[in-house]
Amino acid sequence: SIPVMLNYRFDFGKDMHLTLYAGPTFDYGLVGKTT
């Protein structure tokens, strides 16, 4: 998968962060099998 996310980061002090993500993801199947 190749995700390309836009994001926004909320900072809570120097070392704590909350980030929200949204964007498209391009998915390609390499292996698909049923046994």
Full PDB file with SEQRES, HELIX, SHEET, SSBOND, CRYST1, ORIGX, SCALE, CONECT and MASTER records, all heavy atoms in Angstrom:
SEQRES   1 A   35  SER ILE PRO VAL MET LEU ASN TYR ARG PHE ASP PHE GLY          
SEQRES   2 A   35  LYS ASP MET HIS LEU THR LEU TYR ALA GLY PRO THR PHE          
SEQRES   3 A   35  ASP TYR GLY LEU VAL GLY LYS THR THR                          
SHEET    1 AA1 2 ILE A   2  PRO A   3  0                                        
SHEET    2 AA1 2 THR A  25  PHE A  26 -1                                        
SHEET    1 AA2 2 LEU A   6  ASP A  11  0                                        
SHEET    2 AA2 2 HIS A  17  ALA A  22 -1                                        
CRYST1    1.000    1.000    1.000  90.00  90.00  90.00 P 1           1          
ORIGX1      1.000000  0.000000  0.000000        0.00000                         
ORIGX2      0.000000  1.000000  0.000000        0.00000                         
ORIGX3      0.000000  0.000000  1.000000        0.00000                         
SCALE1      1.000000  0.000000  0.000000        0.00000                         
SCALE2      0.000000  1.000000  0.000000        0.00000                         
SCALE3      0.000000  0.000000  1.000000        0.00000                         
ATOM      1  N   SER A   1       0.838  -1.199   0.000  1.00  0.00           N  
ATOM      2  CA  SER A   1       0.000   0.000   0.000  1.00  0.00           C  
ATOM      3  C   SER A   1       0.872   1.247   0.000  1.00  0.00           C  
ATOM      4  O   SER A   1       1.932   1.278   0.643  1.00  0.00           O  
ATOM      5  CB  SER A   1      -0.918   0.026   1.224  1.00  0.00           C  
ATOM      6  OG  SER A   1      -1.740  -1.124   1.269  1.00  0.00           O  
ATOM      7  N   ILE A   2       0.410   2.272  -0.720  1.00  0.00           N  
ATOM      8  CA  ILE A   2       1.078   3.573  -0.739  1.00  0.00           C  
ATOM      9  C   ILE A   2       0.090   4.605  -0.208  1.00  0.00           C  
ATOM     10  O   ILE A   2      -0.740   5.135  -0.951  1.00  0.00           O  
ATOM     11  CB  ILE A   2       1.532   3.962  -2.159  1.00  0.00           C  
ATOM     12  CG1 ILE A   2       2.405   2.860  -2.771  1.00  0.00           C  
ATOM     13  CG2 ILE A   2       2.276   5.296  -2.137  1.00  0.00           C  
ATOM     14  CD1 ILE A   2       3.731   2.670  -2.075  1.00  0.00           C  
ATOM     15  N   PRO A   3       0.125   4.903   1.094  1.00  0.00           N  
ATOM     16  CA  PRO A   3      -0.738   5.957   1.630  1.00  0.00           C  
ATOM     17  C   PRO A   3      -0.101   7.332   1.445  1.00  0.00           C  
ATOM     18  O   PRO A   3       1.120   7.486   1.551  1.00  0.00           O  
ATOM     19  CB  PRO A   3      -0.835   5.596   3.123  1.00  0.00           C  
ATOM     20  CG  PRO A   3       0.440   4.877   3.423  1.00  0.00           C  
ATOM     21  CD  PRO A   3       0.868   4.194   2.156  1.00  0.00           C  
ATOM     22  N   VAL A   4      -0.935   8.314   1.144  1.00  0.00           N  
ATOM     23  CA  VAL A   4      -0.479   9.711   1.049  1.00  0.00           C  
ATOM     24  C   VAL A   4      -1.417  10.531   1.929  1.00  0.00           C  
ATOM     25  O   VAL A   4      -2.502  10.933   1.512  1.00  0.00           O  
ATOM     26  CB  VAL A   4      -0.502  10.222  -0.408  1.00  0.00           C  
ATOM     27  CG1 VAL A   4       0.038  11.651  -0.459  1.00  0.00           C  
ATOM     28  CG2 VAL A   4       0.300   9.309  -1.324  1.00  0.00           C  
ATOM     29  N   MET A   5      -0.996  10.772   3.163  1.00  0.00           N  
ATOM     30  CA  MET A   5      -1.868  11.360   4.164  1.00  0.00           C  
ATOM     31  C   MET A   5      -1.576  12.838   4.409  1.00  0.00           C  
ATOM     32  O   MET A   5      -0.403  13.232   4.571  1.00  0.00           O  
ATOM     33  CB  MET A   5      -1.707  10.632   5.508  1.00  0.00           C  
ATOM     34  CG  MET A   5      -2.086   9.160   5.502  1.00  0.00           C  
ATOM     35  SD  MET A   5      -3.850   8.859   5.325  1.00  0.00           S  
ATOM     36  CE  MET A   5      -3.904   8.316   3.616  1.00  0.00           C  
ATOM     37  N   LEU A   6      -2.624  13.643   4.405  1.00  0.00           N  
ATOM     38  CA  LEU A   6      -2.533  14.982   4.977  1.00  0.00           C  
ATOM     39  C   LEU A   6      -2.765  14.850   6.468  1.00  0.00           C  
ATOM     40  O   LEU A   6      -3.565  14.014   6.912  1.00  0.00           O  
ATOM     41  CB  LEU A   6      -3.571  15.904   4.353  1.00  0.00           C  
ATOM     42  CG  LEU A   6      -3.394  16.223   2.860  1.00  0.00           C  
ATOM     43  CD1 LEU A   6      -4.585  17.019   2.343  1.00  0.00           C  
ATOM     44  CD2 LEU A   6      -2.096  16.988   2.618  1.00  0.00           C  
ATOM     45  N   ASN A   7      -2.093  15.658   7.253  1.00  0.00           N  
ATOM     46  CA  ASN A   7      -2.255  15.518   8.705  1.00  0.00           C  
ATOM     47  C   ASN A   7      -2.161  16.866   9.412  1.00  0.00           C  
ATOM     48  O   ASN A   7      -1.609  17.838   8.885  1.00  0.00           O  
ATOM     49  CB  ASN A   7      -1.207  14.552   9.266  1.00  0.00           C  
ATOM     50  CG  ASN A   7       0.216  15.036   9.054  1.00  0.00           C  
ATOM     51  OD1 ASN A   7       0.654  16.012   9.650  1.00  0.00           O  
ATOM     52  ND2 ASN A   7       0.968  14.344   8.193  1.00  0.00           N  
ATOM     53  N   TYR A   8      -2.722  16.877  10.604  1.00  0.00           N  
ATOM     54  CA  TYR A   8      -2.615  18.046  11.485  1.00  0.00           C  
ATOM     55  C   TYR A   8      -2.230  17.546  12.868  1.00  0.00           C  
ATOM     56  O   TYR A   8      -2.840  16.612  13.398  1.00  0.00           O  
ATOM     57  CB  TYR A   8      -3.913  18.832  11.544  1.00  0.00           C  
ATOM     58  CG  TYR A   8      -3.779  20.103  12.360  1.00  0.00           C  
ATOM     59  CD1 TYR A   8      -3.257  21.259  11.791  1.00  0.00           C  
ATOM     60  CD2 TYR A   8      -4.132  20.125  13.709  1.00  0.00           C  
ATOM     61  CE1 TYR A   8      -3.099  22.417  12.529  1.00  0.00           C  
ATOM     62  CE2 TYR A   8      -3.983  21.278  14.462  1.00  0.00           C  
ATOM     63  CZ  TYR A   8      -3.457  22.425  13.871  1.00  0.00           C  
ATOM     64  OH  TYR A   8      -3.297  23.577  14.612  1.00  0.00           O  
ATOM     65  N   ARG A   9      -1.237  18.198  13.465  1.00  0.00           N  
ATOM     66  CA  ARG A   9      -0.690  17.772  14.750  1.00  0.00           C  
ATOM     67  C   ARG A   9      -1.100  18.726  15.869  1.00  0.00           C  
ATOM     68  O   ARG A   9      -0.951  19.945  15.749  1.00  0.00           O  
ATOM     69  CB  ARG A   9       0.837  17.714  14.679  1.00  0.00           C  
ATOM     70  CG  ARG A   9       1.496  17.109  15.910  1.00  0.00           C  
ATOM     71  CD  ARG A   9       3.011  17.220  15.835  1.00  0.00           C  
ATOM     72  NE  ARG A   9       3.460  18.594  16.067  1.00  0.00           N  
ATOM     73  CZ  ARG A   9       4.054  19.335  15.148  1.00  0.00           C  
ATOM     74  NH1 ARG A   9       4.268  18.868  13.933  1.00  0.00           N  
ATOM     75  NH2 ARG A   9       4.443  20.578  15.440  1.00  0.00           N  
ATOM     76  N   PHE A  10      -1.634  18.160  16.949  1.00  0.00           N  
ATOM     77  CA  PHE A  10      -1.931  18.904  18.171  1.00  0.00           C  
ATOM     78  C   PHE A  10      -0.819  18.622  19.175  1.00  0.00           C  
ATOM     79  O   PHE A  10      -0.532  17.455  19.478  1.00  0.00           O  
ATOM     80  CB  PHE A  10      -3.281  18.489  18.763  1.00  0.00           C  
ATOM     81  CG  PHE A  10      -4.448  18.762  17.860  1.00  0.00           C  
ATOM     82  CD1 PHE A  10      -4.885  17.798  16.956  1.00  0.00           C  
ATOM     83  CD2 PHE A  10      -5.127  19.973  17.925  1.00  0.00           C  
ATOM     84  CE1 PHE A  10      -5.966  18.046  16.120  1.00  0.00           C  
ATOM     85  CE2 PHE A  10      -6.211  20.224  17.094  1.00  0.00           C  
ATOM     86  CZ  PHE A  10      -6.621  19.258  16.187  1.00  0.00           C  
ATOM     87  N   ASP A  11      -0.187  19.662  19.700  1.00  0.00           N  
ATOM     88  CA  ASP A  11       0.919  19.500  20.633  1.00  0.00           C  
ATOM     89  C   ASP A  11       0.445  19.688  22.067  1.00  0.00           C  
ATOM     90  O   ASP A  11      -0.258  20.651  22.385  1.00  0.00           O  
ATOM     91  CB  ASP A  11       2.026  20.521  20.333  1.00  0.00           C  
ATOM     92  CG  ASP A  11       2.617  20.337  18.946  1.00  0.00           C  
ATOM     93  OD1 ASP A  11       2.742  19.184  18.507  1.00  0.00           O  
ATOM     94  OD2 ASP A  11       2.942  21.347  18.296  1.00  0.00           O  
ATOM     95  N   PHE A  12       0.834  18.747  22.925  1.00  0.00           N  
ATOM     96  CA  PHE A  12       0.531  18.830  24.350  1.00  0.00           C  
ATOM     97  C   PHE A  12       1.858  18.809  25.101  1.00  0.00           C  
ATOM     98  O   PHE A  12       2.303  17.777  25.595  1.00  0.00           O  
ATOM     99  CB  PHE A  12      -0.348  17.657  24.790  1.00  0.00           C  
ATOM    100  CG  PHE A  12      -1.647  17.561  24.028  1.00  0.00           C  
ATOM    101  CD1 PHE A  12      -1.759  16.727  22.931  1.00  0.00           C  
ATOM    102  CD2 PHE A  12      -2.742  18.323  24.406  1.00  0.00           C  
ATOM    103  CE1 PHE A  12      -2.944  16.647  22.224  1.00  0.00           C  
ATOM    104  CE2 PHE A  12      -3.931  18.249  23.702  1.00  0.00           C  
ATOM    105  CZ  PHE A  12      -4.035  17.410  22.613  1.00  0.00           C  
ATOM    106  N   GLY A  13       2.496  19.957  25.144  1.00  0.00           N  
ATOM    107  CA  GLY A  13       3.826  20.008  25.709  1.00  0.00           C  
ATOM    108  C   GLY A  13       4.858  19.656  24.649  1.00  0.00           C  
ATOM    109  O   GLY A  13       4.571  19.556  23.456  1.00  0.00           O  
ATOM    110  N   LYS A  14       6.085  19.425  25.073  1.00  0.00           N  
ATOM    111  CA  LYS A  14       7.188  19.210  24.148  1.00  0.00           C  
ATOM    112  C   LYS A  14       7.176  17.822  23.524  1.00  0.00           C  
ATOM    113  O   LYS A  14       7.498  17.653  22.341  1.00  0.00           O  
ATOM    114  CB  LYS A  14       8.512  19.427  24.881  1.00  0.00           C  
ATOM    115  CG  LYS A  14       9.736  19.249  23.999  1.00  0.00           C  
ATOM    116  CD  LYS A  14      11.019  19.473  24.785  1.00  0.00           C  
ATOM    117  CE  LYS A  14      12.241  19.255  23.896  1.00  0.00           C  
ATOM    118  NZ  LYS A  14      13.509  19.452  24.648  1.00  0.00           N  
ATOM    119  N   ASP A  15       6.788  16.784  24.301  1.00  0.00           N  
ATOM    120  CA  ASP A  15       6.956  15.411  23.841  1.00  0.00           C  
ATOM    121  C   ASP A  15       5.657  14.664  23.587  1.00  0.00           C  
ATOM    122  O   ASP A  15       5.682  13.476  23.248  1.00  0.00           O  
ATOM    123  CB  ASP A  15       7.776  14.614  24.871  1.00  0.00           C  
ATOM    124  CG  ASP A  15       9.202  15.130  24.990  1.00  0.00           C  
ATOM    125  OD1 ASP A  15       9.749  15.569  23.963  1.00  0.00           O  
ATOM    126  OD2 ASP A  15       9.749  15.102  26.102  1.00  0.00           O  
ATOM    127  N   MET A  16       4.495  15.307  23.741  1.00  0.00           N  
ATOM    128  CA  MET A  16       3.219  14.622  23.541  1.00  0.00           C  
ATOM    129  C   MET A  16       2.471  15.261  22.376  1.00  0.00           C  
ATOM    130  O   MET A  16       2.280  16.481  22.343  1.00  0.00           O  
ATOM    131  CB  MET A  16       2.369  14.668  24.818  1.00  0.00           C  
ATOM    132  CG  MET A  16       2.993  13.936  25.994  1.00  0.00           C  
ATOM    133  SD  MET A  16       2.027  14.120  27.527  1.00  0.00           S  
ATOM    134  CE  MET A  16       0.487  13.333  27.031  1.00  0.00           C  
ATOM    135  N   HIS A  17       2.048  14.411  21.417  1.00  0.00           N  
ATOM    136  CA  HIS A  17       1.410  14.926  20.214  1.00  0.00           C  
ATOM    137  C   HIS A  17       0.256  14.008  19.799  1.00  0.00           C  
ATOM    138  O   HIS A  17       0.355  12.783  19.868  1.00  0.00           O  
ATOM    139  CB  HIS A  17       2.412  15.013  19.054  1.00  0.00           C  
ATOM    140  CG  HIS A  17       3.714  15.629  19.415  1.00  0.00           C  
ATOM    141  ND1 HIS A  17       3.914  16.987  19.479  1.00  0.00           N  
ATOM    142  CD2 HIS A  17       4.899  15.053  19.759  1.00  0.00           C  
ATOM    143  CE1 HIS A  17       5.164  17.235  19.824  1.00  0.00           C  
ATOM    144  NE2 HIS A  17       5.780  16.078  20.000  1.00  0.00           N  
ATOM    145  N   LEU A  18      -0.828  14.614  19.352  1.00  0.00           N  
ATOM    146  CA  LEU A  18      -1.950  13.898  18.754  1.00  0.00           C  
ATOM    147  C   LEU A  18      -2.068  14.354  17.302  1.00  0.00           C  
ATOM    148  O   LEU A  18      -2.161  15.548  17.031  1.00  0.00           O  
ATOM    149  CB  LEU A  18      -3.249  14.187  19.503  1.00  0.00           C  
ATOM    150  CG  LEU A  18      -4.529  13.617  18.869  1.00  0.00           C  
ATOM    151  CD1 LEU A  18      -4.516  12.090  18.935  1.00  0.00           C  
ATOM    152  CD2 LEU A  18      -5.770  14.175  19.562  1.00  0.00           C  
ATOM    153  N   THR A  19      -2.062  13.395  16.367  1.00  0.00           N  
ATOM    154  CA  THR A  19      -2.103  13.727  14.949  1.00  0.00           C  
ATOM    155  C   THR A  19      -3.306  13.067  14.293  1.00  0.00           C  
ATOM    156  O   THR A  19      -3.565  11.883  14.503  1.00  0.00           O  
ATOM    157  CB  THR A  19      -0.817  13.259  14.239  1.00  0.00           C  
ATOM    158  OG1 THR A  19       0.318  13.830  14.892  1.00  0.00           O  
ATOM    159  CG2 THR A  19      -0.818  13.695  12.784  1.00  0.00           C  
ATOM    160  N   LEU A  20      -4.038  13.847  13.497  1.00  0.00           N  
ATOM    161  CA  LEU A  20      -5.162  13.339  12.715  1.00  0.00           C  
ATOM    162  C   LEU A  20      -4.735  13.210  11.260  1.00  0.00           C  
ATOM    163  O   LEU A  20      -4.047  14.085  10.727  1.00  0.00           O  
ATOM    164  CB  LEU A  20      -6.364  14.279  12.832  1.00  0.00           C  
ATOM    165  CG  LEU A  20      -6.873  14.557  14.250  1.00  0.00           C  
ATOM    166  CD1 LEU A  20      -8.079  15.489  14.199  1.00  0.00           C  
ATOM    167  CD2 LEU A  20      -7.229  13.259  14.973  1.00  0.00           C  
ATOM    168  N   TYR A  21      -5.166  12.115  10.617  1.00  0.00           N  
ATOM    169  CA  TYR A  21      -4.750  11.813   9.249  1.00  0.00           C  
ATOM    170  C   TYR A  21      -5.957  11.648   8.329  1.00  0.00           C  
ATOM    171  O   TYR A  21      -7.017  11.172   8.750  1.00  0.00           O  
ATOM    172  CB  TYR A  21      -3.957  10.505   9.202  1.00  0.00           C  
ATOM    173  CG  TYR A  21      -2.727  10.463  10.060  1.00  0.00           C  
ATOM    174  CD1 TYR A  21      -2.783  10.001  11.375  1.00  0.00           C  
ATOM    175  CD2 TYR A  21      -1.492  10.865   9.555  1.00  0.00           C  
ATOM    176  CE1 TYR A  21      -1.650   9.945  12.163  1.00  0.00           C  
ATOM    177  CE2 TYR A  21      -0.349  10.810  10.334  1.00  0.00           C  
ATOM    178  CZ  TYR A  21      -0.441  10.353  11.644  1.00  0.00           C  
ATOM    179  OH  TYR A  21       0.690  10.304  12.415  1.00  0.00           O  
ATOM    180  N   ALA A  22      -5.789  11.975   7.054  1.00  0.00           N  
ATOM    181  CA  ALA A  22      -6.809  11.700   6.039  1.00  0.00           C  
ATOM    182  C   ALA A  22      -6.164  11.806   4.666  1.00  0.00           C  
ATOM    183  O   ALA A  22      -5.323  12.684   4.420  1.00  0.00           O  
ATOM    184  CB  ALA A  22      -7.982  12.667   6.142  1.00  0.00           C  
ATOM    185  N   GLY A  23      -6.559  10.903   3.765  1.00  0.00           N  
ATOM    186  CA  GLY A  23      -6.013  10.957   2.410  1.00  0.00           C  
ATOM    187  C   GLY A  23      -6.236   9.657   1.664  1.00  0.00           C  
ATOM    188  O   GLY A  23      -6.822   8.702   2.184  1.00  0.00           O  
ATOM    189  N   PRO A  24      -5.764   9.583   0.430  1.00  0.00           N  
ATOM    190  CA  PRO A  24      -5.933   8.373  -0.376  1.00  0.00           C  
ATOM    191  C   PRO A  24      -4.834   7.346  -0.104  1.00  0.00           C  
ATOM    192  O   PRO A  24      -3.710   7.697   0.275  1.00  0.00           O  
ATOM    193  CB  PRO A  24      -5.840   8.903  -1.807  1.00  0.00           C  
ATOM    194  CG  PRO A  24      -4.894  10.063  -1.685  1.00  0.00           C  
ATOM    195  CD  PRO A  24      -5.173  10.684  -0.343  1.00  0.00           C  
ATOM    196  N   THR A  25      -5.188   6.085  -0.326  1.00  0.00           N  
ATOM    197  CA  THR A  25      -4.211   4.997  -0.260  1.00  0.00           C  
ATOM    198  C   THR A  25      -4.353   4.147  -1.526  1.00  0.00           C  
ATOM    199  O   THR A  25      -5.465   3.776  -1.911  1.00  0.00           O  
ATOM    200  CB  THR A  25      -4.437   4.123   0.983  1.00  0.00           C  
ATOM    201  OG1 THR A  25      -4.136   4.881   2.156  1.00  0.00           O  
ATOM    202  CG2 THR A  25      -3.526   2.893   0.959  1.00  0.00           C  
ATOM    203  N   PHE A  26      -3.227   3.859  -2.145  1.00  0.00           N  
ATOM    204  CA  PHE A  26      -3.209   3.050  -3.364  1.00  0.00           C  
ATOM    205  C   PHE A  26      -2.703   1.654  -3.003  1.00  0.00           C  
ATOM    206  O   PHE A  26      -1.602   1.507  -2.473  1.00  0.00           O  
ATOM    207  CB  PHE A  26      -2.319   3.705  -4.417  1.00  0.00           C  
ATOM    208  CG  PHE A  26      -2.722   5.116  -4.722  1.00  0.00           C  
ATOM    209  CD1 PHE A  26      -2.156   6.192  -4.021  1.00  0.00           C  
ATOM    210  CD2 PHE A  26      -3.698   5.394  -5.669  1.00  0.00           C  
ATOM    211  CE1 PHE A  26      -2.534   7.496  -4.275  1.00  0.00           C  
ATOM    212  CE2 PHE A  26      -4.084   6.704  -5.936  1.00  0.00           C  
ATOM    213  CZ  PHE A  26      -3.509   7.756  -5.233  1.00  0.00           C  
ATOM    214  N   ASP A  27      -3.547   0.656  -3.266  1.00  0.00           N  
ATOM    215  CA  ASP A  27      -3.302  -0.704  -2.805  1.00  0.00           C  
ATOM    216  C   ASP A  27      -3.062  -1.626  -3.994  1.00  0.00           C  
ATOM    217  O   ASP A  27      -3.797  -1.564  -4.986  1.00  0.00           O  
ATOM    218  CB  ASP A  27      -4.527  -1.188  -2.012  1.00  0.00           C  
ATOM    219  CG  ASP A  27      -4.160  -2.171  -0.925  1.00  0.00           C  
ATOM    220  OD1 ASP A  27      -3.006  -2.157  -0.490  1.00  0.00           O  
ATOM    221  OD2 ASP A  27      -5.041  -2.954  -0.522  1.00  0.00           O  
ATOM    222  N   TYR A  28      -2.055  -2.501  -3.888  1.00  0.00           N  
ATOM    223  CA  TYR A  28      -1.768  -3.440  -4.976  1.00  0.00           C  
ATOM    224  C   TYR A  28      -1.528  -4.829  -4.398  1.00  0.00           C  
ATOM    225  O   TYR A  28      -0.724  -5.010  -3.472  1.00  0.00           O  
ATOM    226  CB  TYR A  28      -0.540  -2.993  -5.759  1.00  0.00           C  
ATOM    227  CG  TYR A  28      -0.293  -3.827  -6.991  1.00  0.00           C  
ATOM    228  CD1 TYR A  28      -1.025  -3.616  -8.161  1.00  0.00           C  
ATOM    229  CD2 TYR A  28       0.656  -4.840  -6.986  1.00  0.00           C  
ATOM    230  CE1 TYR A  28      -0.808  -4.385  -9.294  1.00  0.00           C  
ATOM    231  CE2 TYR A  28       0.885  -5.615  -8.114  1.00  0.00           C  
ATOM    232  CZ  TYR A  28       0.144  -5.382  -9.266  1.00  0.00           C  
ATOM    233  OH  TYR A  28       0.349  -6.143 -10.383  1.00  0.00           O  
ATOM    234  N   GLY A  29      -2.250  -5.818  -4.925  1.00  0.00           N  
ATOM    235  CA  GLY A  29      -2.123  -7.177  -4.439  1.00  0.00           C  
ATOM    236  C   GLY A  29      -0.935  -7.899  -5.058  1.00  0.00           C  
ATOM    237  O   GLY A  29      -0.809  -7.980  -6.284  1.00  0.00           O  
ATOM    238  N   LEU A  30      -0.058  -8.420  -4.213  1.00  0.00           N  
ATOM    239  CA  LEU A  30       1.095  -9.184  -4.674  1.00  0.00           C  
ATOM    240  C   LEU A  30       0.796 -10.682  -4.709  1.00  0.00           C  
ATOM    241  O   LEU A  30       1.182 -11.380  -5.649  1.00  0.00           O  
ATOM    242  CB  LEU A  30       2.299  -8.930  -3.760  1.00  0.00           C  
ATOM    243  CG  LEU A  30       2.850  -7.506  -3.725  1.00  0.00           C  
ATOM    244  CD1 LEU A  30       4.011  -7.425  -2.740  1.00  0.00           C  
ATOM    245  CD2 LEU A  30       3.286  -7.052  -5.103  1.00  0.00           C  
ATOM    246  N   VAL A  31       0.136 -11.154  -3.662  1.00  0.00           N  
ATOM    247  CA  VAL A  31      -0.196 -12.574  -3.549  1.00  0.00           C  
ATOM    248  C   VAL A  31      -1.644 -12.708  -3.104  1.00  0.00           C  
ATOM    249  O   VAL A  31      -2.089 -12.012  -2.184  1.00  0.00           O  
ATOM    250  CB  VAL A  31       0.720 -13.298  -2.528  1.00  0.00           C  
ATOM    251  CG1 VAL A  31       0.303 -14.767  -2.383  1.00  0.00           C  
ATOM    252  CG2 VAL A  31       2.175 -13.198  -2.945  1.00  0.00           C  
ATOM    253  N   GLY A  32      -2.375 -13.569  -3.776  1.00  0.00           N  
ATOM    254  CA  GLY A  32      -3.731 -13.901  -3.372  1.00  0.00           C  
ATOM    255  C   GLY A  32      -3.993 -15.353  -3.696  1.00  0.00           C  
ATOM    256  O   GLY A  32      -4.013 -15.739  -4.872  1.00  0.00           O  
ATOM    257  N   LYS A  33      -4.160 -16.176  -2.683  1.00  0.00           N  
ATOM    258  CA  LYS A  33      -4.347 -17.601  -2.956  1.00  0.00           C  
ATOM    259  C   LYS A  33      -5.259 -18.246  -1.921  1.00  0.00           C  
ATOM    260  O   LYS A  33      -5.365 -17.795  -0.787  1.00  0.00           O  
ATOM    261  CB  LYS A  33      -3.008 -18.334  -2.993  1.00  0.00           C  
ATOM    262  CG  LYS A  33      -2.271 -18.387  -1.663  1.00  0.00           C  
ATOM    263  CD  LYS A  33      -0.968 -19.175  -1.792  1.00  0.00           C  
ATOM    264  CE  LYS A  33      -0.233 -19.274  -0.457  1.00  0.00           C  
ATOM    265  NZ  LYS A  33       0.997 -20.098  -0.567  1.00  0.00           N  
ATOM    266  N   THR A  34      -5.921 -19.303  -2.351  1.00  0.00           N  
ATOM    267  CA  THR A  34      -6.752 -20.116  -1.471  1.00  0.00           C  
ATOM    268  C   THR A  34      -6.283 -21.561  -1.564  1.00  0.00           C  
ATOM    269  O   THR A  34      -6.136 -22.105  -2.661  1.00  0.00           O  
ATOM    270  CB  THR A  34      -8.238 -20.033  -1.861  1.00  0.00           C  
ATOM    271  OG1 THR A  34      -8.718 -18.710  -1.625  1.00  0.00           O  
ATOM    272  CG2 THR A  34      -9.068 -21.004  -1.037  1.00  0.00           C  
ATOM    273  N   THR A  35      -6.031 -22.170  -0.403  1.00  0.00           N  
ATOM    274  CA  THR A  35      -5.610 -23.560  -0.331  1.00  0.00           C  
ATOM    275  C   THR A  35      -6.731 -24.391   0.267  1.00  0.00           C  
ATOM    276  O   THR A  35      -7.224 -24.086   1.367  1.00  0.00           O  
ATOM    277  CB  THR A  35      -4.337 -23.711   0.517  1.00  0.00           C  
ATOM    278  OG1 THR A  35      -3.303 -22.898  -0.039  1.00  0.00           O  
ATOM    279  CG2 THR A  35      -3.873 -25.160   0.549  1.00  0.00           C  
TER     280      THR A  35                                                      
MASTER        0    0    0    0    4    0    0    6  279    1    0    3          
END                                                                             
